[in-house]
Amino acid sequence: MRIGLLQCDDVAPELREAHGNYPEMFAALFQRVDPTLEFRVWRCLDGEIPDDIDAVDAWMTTGSKHGVNDGLAWVDQLCDFVRELWRAGKPLVGICFGHQLMAKALGGEVVKSERGWGVGMSFNRVTARAAWMEPWQPGIDLLVSHQDQVEVLPPEATIVGGSDFCPHYLMQIGEHFLGVQGHPEFTKAYSRDLMALRRELVGDERVSEGETSLAAPVDDTLMARWILNFLRRAIAARA
């Protein structure tokens, strides 16, 4: 499978030596599950938007420190590309910012949550069992770092997982779009360092809660399996 990675941010320079950049994180996670995967990266944050939806078999987006409502030209262009993928039935998985981007591009709404920052581990109930959720378990717990949340779903969207803090956490749109608010590609070490870097922004109390939460197990590999199962099904359905 060839995956096009729509890169929407860079890891902060002071964290990059220890943790790498986002493309390396994605490759490390997903190639652990399937070593045959190939990644091709488009730096959307620099205005590099793909001009061929069939350049790869499926697409993924990274997270971003930017918001989908920030009025950035490249975000608007990426929304246009997401709509093009939707109309063509091309598979797309949105991670964090990408989850919010696909919701906004298809008619949903994204807001800065009154619940504040989500950092560290998030604990989520799976509310609908889908065929791609193999191996099955009734919850999906992932690392997070976000303020914005999907507030209004786009048409054809179904929520398949969430929590009281983030009700619209795991979202399927049709049979070829999947969005998750969490970061399966994050490691606990990166999450801890990112919280430390953003302590002044996030707040001491929330960072302390986030650091404590890192003692819990993370379902990063399971989420990667689910995502690849989803993409394979979507690719086969389009063939």
Protein backbone atom coordinates (compact mmCIF):
# COMPACT_ATOMS: atom_id res chain seq x y z
CA MET A 1 0.00 0.00 0.00
CA ARG A 2 1.26 3.48 -0.91
CA ILE A 3 0.14 6.17 1.53
CA GLY A 4 0.29 9.88 0.85
CA LEU A 5 1.03 11.78 4.07
CA LEU A 6 -0.38 15.31 4.12
CA GLN A 7 2.04 17.00 6.52
CA CYS A 8 0.43 19.95 8.30
CA ASP A 9 3.11 20.81 10.88
CA ASP A 10 6.67 20.15 12.00
CA VAL A 11 7.78 18.89 15.39
CA ALA A 12 9.18 21.83 17.37
CA PRO A 13 12.92 22.23 16.66
CA GLU A 14 13.87 21.67 20.31
CA LEU A 15 12.11 18.28 20.30
CA ARG A 16 13.08 17.08 16.83
CA GLU A 17 16.47 15.58 17.66
CA ALA A 18 15.01 13.32 20.34
CA HIS A 19 11.75 12.40 18.59
CA GLY A 20 12.13 13.01 14.85
CA ASN A 21 9.58 14.79 12.69
CA TYR A 22 5.98 13.74 12.05
CA PRO A 23 6.65 11.71 8.88
CA GLU A 24 9.16 9.59 10.83
CA MET A 25 6.61 9.06 13.62
CA PHE A 26 3.94 7.89 11.16
CA ALA A 27 6.35 5.56 9.36
CA ALA A 28 7.61 4.09 12.65
CA LEU A 29 4.08 3.27 13.84
CA PHE A 30 2.48 1.95 10.68
CA GLN A 31 5.51 0.08 9.33
CA ARG A 32 5.68 -1.71 12.68
CA VAL A 33 2.31 -3.19 11.74
CA ASP A 34 3.04 -3.59 8.01
CA PRO A 35 6.72 -3.24 6.96
CA THR A 36 5.74 -3.19 3.27
CA LEU A 37 3.96 0.17 3.52
CA GLU A 38 5.37 3.03 1.45
CA PHE A 39 4.95 6.68 2.46
CA ARG A 40 5.18 9.74 0.24
CA VAL A 41 5.05 13.13 1.95
CA TRP A 42 3.48 16.40 0.79
CA ARG A 43 4.37 19.43 2.95
CA CYS A 44 0.95 21.05 2.92
CA LEU A 45 2.02 23.57 5.57
CA ASP A 46 4.35 25.02 2.90
CA GLY A 47 1.55 25.14 0.31
CA GLU A 48 2.51 21.82 -1.29
CA ILE A 49 -0.96 20.43 -2.07
CA PRO A 50 -1.16 17.24 -4.19
CA ASP A 51 -2.41 17.67 -7.75
CA ASP A 52 -3.25 14.01 -8.37
CA ILE A 53 -5.54 12.11 -6.00
CA ASP A 54 -4.36 8.83 -7.53
CA ALA A 55 -0.65 9.44 -6.91
CA VAL A 56 -1.00 6.98 -3.99
CA ASP A 57 -3.48 4.32 -2.85
CA ALA A 58 -4.73 6.20 0.21
CA TRP A 59 -4.13 9.40 2.17
CA MET A 60 -3.46 10.43 5.78
CA THR A 61 -3.08 13.80 7.47
CA THR A 62 -0.86 14.71 10.39
CA GLY A 63 -1.87 16.90 13.29
CA SER A 64 -0.96 20.58 13.48
CA LYS A 65 -0.46 23.43 15.94
CA HIS A 66 -2.58 25.46 13.52
CA GLY A 67 -6.36 25.36 13.62
CA VAL A 68 -8.77 24.70 10.77
CA ASN A 69 -10.44 28.06 11.55
CA ASP A 70 -7.23 30.12 11.47
CA GLY A 71 -7.90 31.47 7.97
CA LEU A 72 -4.66 30.11 6.46
CA ALA A 73 -4.60 29.85 2.66
CA TRP A 74 -3.01 26.38 2.63
CA VAL A 75 -5.72 25.06 4.98
CA ASP A 76 -8.42 26.32 2.60
CA GLN A 77 -6.60 24.66 -0.31
CA LEU A 78 -6.32 21.43 1.66
CA CYS A 79 -10.07 21.56 2.37
CA ASP A 80 -10.62 21.73 -1.39
CA PHE A 81 -8.39 18.66 -1.82
CA VAL A 82 -10.31 16.79 0.90
CA ARG A 83 -13.57 17.51 -0.91
CA GLU A 84 -12.01 16.21 -4.12
CA LEU A 85 -11.02 12.97 -2.35
CA TRP A 86 -14.54 12.65 -0.95
CA ARG A 87 -16.23 13.05 -4.33
CA ALA A 88 -13.88 10.50 -5.92
CA GLY A 89 -14.33 7.90 -3.17
CA LYS A 90 -10.60 8.01 -2.37
CA PRO A 91 -9.65 6.76 1.13
CA LEU A 92 -8.54 9.34 3.71
CA VAL A 93 -7.65 9.06 7.41
CA GLY A 94 -7.52 12.29 9.40
CA ILE A 95 -5.45 12.47 12.59
CA CYS A 96 -6.28 15.23 15.12
CA PHE A 97 -6.11 18.40 12.96
CA GLY A 98 -6.88 16.14 9.97
CA HIS A 99 -9.95 14.76 11.77
CA GLN A 100 -11.16 18.33 12.26
CA LEU A 101 -10.20 19.31 8.70
CA MET A 102 -12.30 16.58 7.08
CA ALA A 103 -15.26 17.51 9.29
CA LYS A 104 -15.03 21.18 8.33
CA ALA A 105 -14.39 20.47 4.63
CA LEU A 106 -17.55 18.35 4.41
CA GLY A 107 -19.88 20.73 6.21
CA GLY A 108 -19.29 20.14 9.93
CA GLU A 109 -18.16 22.64 12.55
CA VAL A 110 -14.99 22.79 14.66
CA VAL A 111 -14.75 24.91 17.82
CA LYS A 112 -12.29 25.66 20.62
CA SER A 113 -13.68 23.44 23.35
CA GLU A 114 -14.96 24.92 26.61
CA ARG A 115 -13.47 21.83 28.27
CA GLY A 116 -9.99 23.19 27.60
CA TRP A 117 -6.88 21.31 26.57
CA GLY A 118 -6.79 17.57 26.14
CA VAL A 119 -3.24 16.30 26.84
CA GLY A 120 -1.67 12.99 27.82
CA MET A 121 -3.88 9.92 27.56
CA SER A 122 -7.51 9.97 26.44
CA PHE A 123 -9.87 7.16 27.38
CA ASN A 124 -12.64 6.43 24.90
CA ARG A 125 -15.59 4.07 24.56
CA VAL A 126 -16.19 2.42 21.19
CA THR A 127 -19.88 3.03 20.57
CA ALA A 128 -20.36 1.14 17.31
CA ARG A 129 -18.52 -1.98 16.22
CA ALA A 130 -17.30 -1.73 12.62
CA ALA A 131 -15.94 -4.54 10.45
CA TRP A 132 -12.47 -2.95 10.34
CA MET A 133 -12.16 -3.03 14.15
CA GLU A 134 -10.11 -6.23 14.28
CA PRO A 135 -8.89 -7.36 16.69
CA TRP A 136 -11.89 -6.07 18.62
CA GLN A 137 -11.96 -4.32 21.95
CA PRO A 138 -14.63 -2.00 23.40
CA GLY A 139 -12.36 0.98 24.07
CA ILE A 140 -9.56 2.86 22.32
CA ASP A 141 -7.13 4.84 24.51
CA LEU A 142 -4.68 7.14 22.75
CA LEU A 143 -2.40 10.10 23.40
CA VAL A 144 -3.82 13.54 22.61
CA SER A 145 -2.84 17.19 22.37
CA HIS A 146 -5.69 19.49 21.30
CA GLN A 147 -7.95 22.38 22.19
CA ASP A 148 -10.23 22.32 19.14
CA GLN A 149 -12.91 19.67 18.74
CA VAL A 150 -15.48 18.66 16.14
CA GLU A 151 -18.73 20.13 17.45
CA VAL A 152 -21.14 19.54 14.54
CA LEU A 153 -20.80 16.46 12.36
CA PRO A 154 -20.83 16.67 8.57
CA PRO A 155 -23.56 14.80 6.66
CA GLU A 156 -23.03 11.02 6.41
CA ALA A 157 -20.76 11.03 9.47
CA THR A 158 -21.18 8.37 12.15
CA ILE A 159 -19.54 8.53 15.56
CA VAL A 160 -18.00 5.17 16.44
CA GLY A 161 -16.09 6.21 19.57
CA GLY A 162 -15.82 9.01 22.10
CA SER A 163 -15.82 10.21 25.71
CA ASP A 164 -17.50 12.85 27.85
CA PHE A 165 -14.50 15.12 27.22
CA CYS A 166 -14.53 14.56 23.44
CA PRO A 167 -17.83 13.05 22.24
CA HIS A 168 -16.87 13.15 18.53
CA TYR A 169 -13.51 11.43 18.97
CA LEU A 170 -13.66 8.64 16.37
CA MET A 171 -15.69 9.36 13.24
CA GLN A 172 -16.43 7.47 10.04
CA ILE A 173 -17.83 9.32 7.04
CA GLY A 174 -19.25 7.09 4.36
CA GLU A 175 -17.08 4.06 3.63
CA HIS A 176 -13.78 5.81 2.79
CA PHE A 177 -13.18 8.61 5.36
CA LEU A 178 -12.07 7.97 8.94
CA GLY A 179 -11.13 10.59 11.52
CA VAL A 180 -9.61 10.22 14.99
CA GLN A 181 -8.93 13.05 17.44
CA GLY A 182 -6.09 11.13 19.10
CA HIS A 183 -2.48 10.69 18.01
CA PRO A 184 -1.61 7.00 17.55
CA GLU A 185 1.77 8.09 16.15
CA PHE A 186 2.81 9.87 19.38
CA THR A 187 5.06 8.11 21.88
CA LYS A 188 4.65 8.69 25.61
CA ALA A 189 8.10 10.27 25.70
CA TYR A 190 7.10 12.78 23.01
CA SER A 191 3.79 13.48 24.76
CA ARG A 192 5.62 14.19 28.02
CA ASP A 193 8.13 16.52 26.34
CA LEU A 194 5.38 18.28 24.35
CA MET A 195 3.40 18.93 27.54
CA ALA A 196 6.52 20.35 29.18
CA LEU A 197 7.12 22.61 26.18
CA ARG A 198 3.52 23.86 26.24
CA ARG A 199 3.14 24.05 30.03
CA GLU A 200 2.57 27.81 30.08
CA LEU A 201 -0.05 27.49 27.34
CA VAL A 202 -1.82 24.40 28.71
CA GLY A 203 -1.58 25.21 32.43
CA ASP A 204 0.16 23.48 35.33
CA GLU A 205 -2.90 21.58 36.56
CA ARG A 206 -3.82 20.11 33.18
CA VAL A 207 -0.18 19.18 32.45
CA SER A 208 0.07 17.46 35.83
CA GLU A 209 -3.08 15.45 35.06
CA GLY A 210 -1.69 14.61 31.63
CA GLU A 211 1.64 13.44 33.02
CA THR A 212 -0.11 11.19 35.55
CA SER A 213 -2.27 9.69 32.81
CA LEU A 214 0.82 8.41 30.96
CA ALA A 215 0.98 5.48 33.40
CA ALA A 216 -1.97 3.91 31.55
CA PRO A 217 -1.51 1.55 28.56
CA VAL A 218 -1.86 3.09 25.10
CA ASP A 219 -3.63 1.44 22.16
CA ASP A 220 -1.37 2.89 19.47
CA THR A 221 -0.64 -0.39 17.69
CA LEU A 222 -4.29 -1.46 17.79
CA MET A 223 -5.40 1.87 16.31
CA ALA A 224 -2.78 1.48 13.56
CA ARG A 225 -4.18 -1.97 12.76
CA TRP A 226 -7.72 -0.61 12.66
CA ILE A 227 -6.67 2.23 10.36
CA LEU A 228 -4.88 -0.09 7.94
CA ASN A 229 -7.85 -2.49 7.98
CA PHE A 230 -10.13 0.45 7.18
CA LEU A 231 -7.92 1.64 4.31
CA ARG A 232 -7.62 -1.81 2.76
CA ARG A 233 -11.40 -2.24 2.79
CA ALA A 234 -11.90 1.21 1.28
CA ILE A 235 -9.31 0.58 -1.45
CA ALA A 236 -10.88 -2.78 -2.31
CA ALA A 237 -14.35 -1.24 -2.51
CA ARG A 238 -13.11 1.41 -4.96
CA ALA A 239 -11.35 -1.11 -7.25
